[in-house]
Amino acid sequence: MARFSLGGPHDPGGALTARRPGHLFWPVTSLLRTCGLLFKSWPDYPSWPVTVAFRIVALGLAVSALVFSSGLCAGCLRRPAPLERTEFMMDTVVTVKAFGASQEALSEAFDVMRRVDALMNRYSEDSDIGLLNLHAGREPVRLSDDTMECLEEAIRYAKISDGAFDPTLGPLIDLWGIGKRADFIPSREEIERALKLRGIDKIVLDPKTETGFLKVEGMKVDLGGIAKGFAVDRAALALKRRGIRSAIIDAGGNVYVIGKKPDGSEWRVGIRHPRKSDRMIAVVEVSDTAVVTSGDYQRYFEKNGVRYHHIFDPATGEPARKLISCTIICPSSTRADALSTAVFVLGPDLGMDLVERLPDVEAVLVTPRGEVLVSSGLKAAGNVRVLPW
C-alpha cells in the first residue's frame, strides 16, 4: 500500500505524491528531526538525559499542535448541516433551508411571509387588499407600508409590460374560478363586463395619507402575481440581516437563493417540465438571485381537448396561449414574479424582447411546440443546461 507525503525534501513540489512502502511518514520524521530526537547515536550528545527530556517536552507540544491542526482541517472538511422547515402558506408549500441558521431565524422568515400573506390575501375581508376591494368606489382605505409598496411595484410592472401584467383582474379571476369551480367557461359577454372593471388608472395611492382607493365600485385588486415574490424577498432580507450567507427559499415555483452553497459552488435550480411533472426541462446555476416560474400546468382544467389555466391575457380575458412555461431569473423575487406573468402573456417574441431590454433579467421560455428559448445573457454566462424534451 502506498503512503503519501505532503512536500518535504523528497517532494519539492509540495504535492500529494505516493511514497514507497517502508518509508516513515514525512511529517513524523520531520517532526523528530525538528525536536532533535532523530539522530545516529545517543553518545553524540554528552548531556543526553537532560537534552532528551527537554526534547521530549518539545515533541509533546509539537505533536499536540499537529493533532490540533489536523482536527481543524478535518473540521473544515465537514459541511455544516442546514436547518430546514416546511409550512403551507400563500396557497402553496413553502420550504426554507438555511446553513448556519438558528430556529429563531427560520421562524422570523416564516413570520415575515405570513404577515405579507395576511396583508395581501384578497379573500380575507380584514386584509388590506380585502378592505380596499370592499370599499371600491366608496372611500379610501388605510394601507400598511408593505401593501403600499407592493401595489406601487405592481403598477410599475403593469406599465413596463404595457398591461400584460395587470393587478386589477380580480373580477375576471372570480368569473373564471379556475381551481374553484370545475369546467366552467364564461360567455364572451360575461368576460367583457369583467374587463370593464380593470385598469391601473383606476387605482389611487396617496403615500401622504397612507391610503389607497379604487375609483369604480366592483373593482378588485388581485396581487396573486406579485405578492408571493414580495413575501420571499422580505423573508430573504430577514435571513440576511441575521447573518445567513447560504440559504434557499422555495415557495411553490418562487425560488430565492442566498449566496452560494457552503462548498462555494452555485445553487442548481431545476425548471419543471411543463408536460411531465416528474422531469425537468432545464437546470440553472445561480447565486444571490430569484428563479420564478409561471406555467399553464399549475392550476387548470381541460375541456374538449383545450387547456384552460389561471394566467389570463388582460387583452382578451382568456387564458394566455403563446407560452406554456416562463421562468425569470433576476435579483428580485418581486420583479421575477411580476415579469414571469407578463412575459408569459406577451409570448416568445414580445416577451423575450422585454427581457432583453431590462437589466439583470434573464429568462427560459417554453413554447406550445416544445421549443425552449434562452435569453442571451444566460446563454453567454453558460450557467443553463436545457434537457431533452
Foldseek 3Di string as FASTA:
>chain_A
DWDWAQDDPVRPVRDTDTDDPPDDHVVVVVLCVVLPNDDDDQVVDVVSVVSVVVSVVVSVVVVVVVVVVVVVVVVVPDAAAWDKDWDDDPNFIKMKTFGPDDVVLVVVLVVLLRVLCQQAVCVDCPHVQVVQLVCAQHDKDAHDPLVLVLLVVQVVLCVLLVNLRFQFQVQLLVVVVFVHDPPDDDDQVSLVVSLVLTDPVQWDADVVRRIIYGNDRPIHGHSSLFSNLSSNQVSVVSNVVVVTQFMWMDTPQKIFTHHAGRVRFFDKDFDADLVDRVDGQKIFGDHQKIKGKDFQNPTWDDDPRDIFGNQARSVRSGHAAQFGMKIKIANGSSVRSSLNSSLSNVHDPSSLVSQVVDPRMWMWTAGPVGDIDTHPVRVVVVGMDGDDD
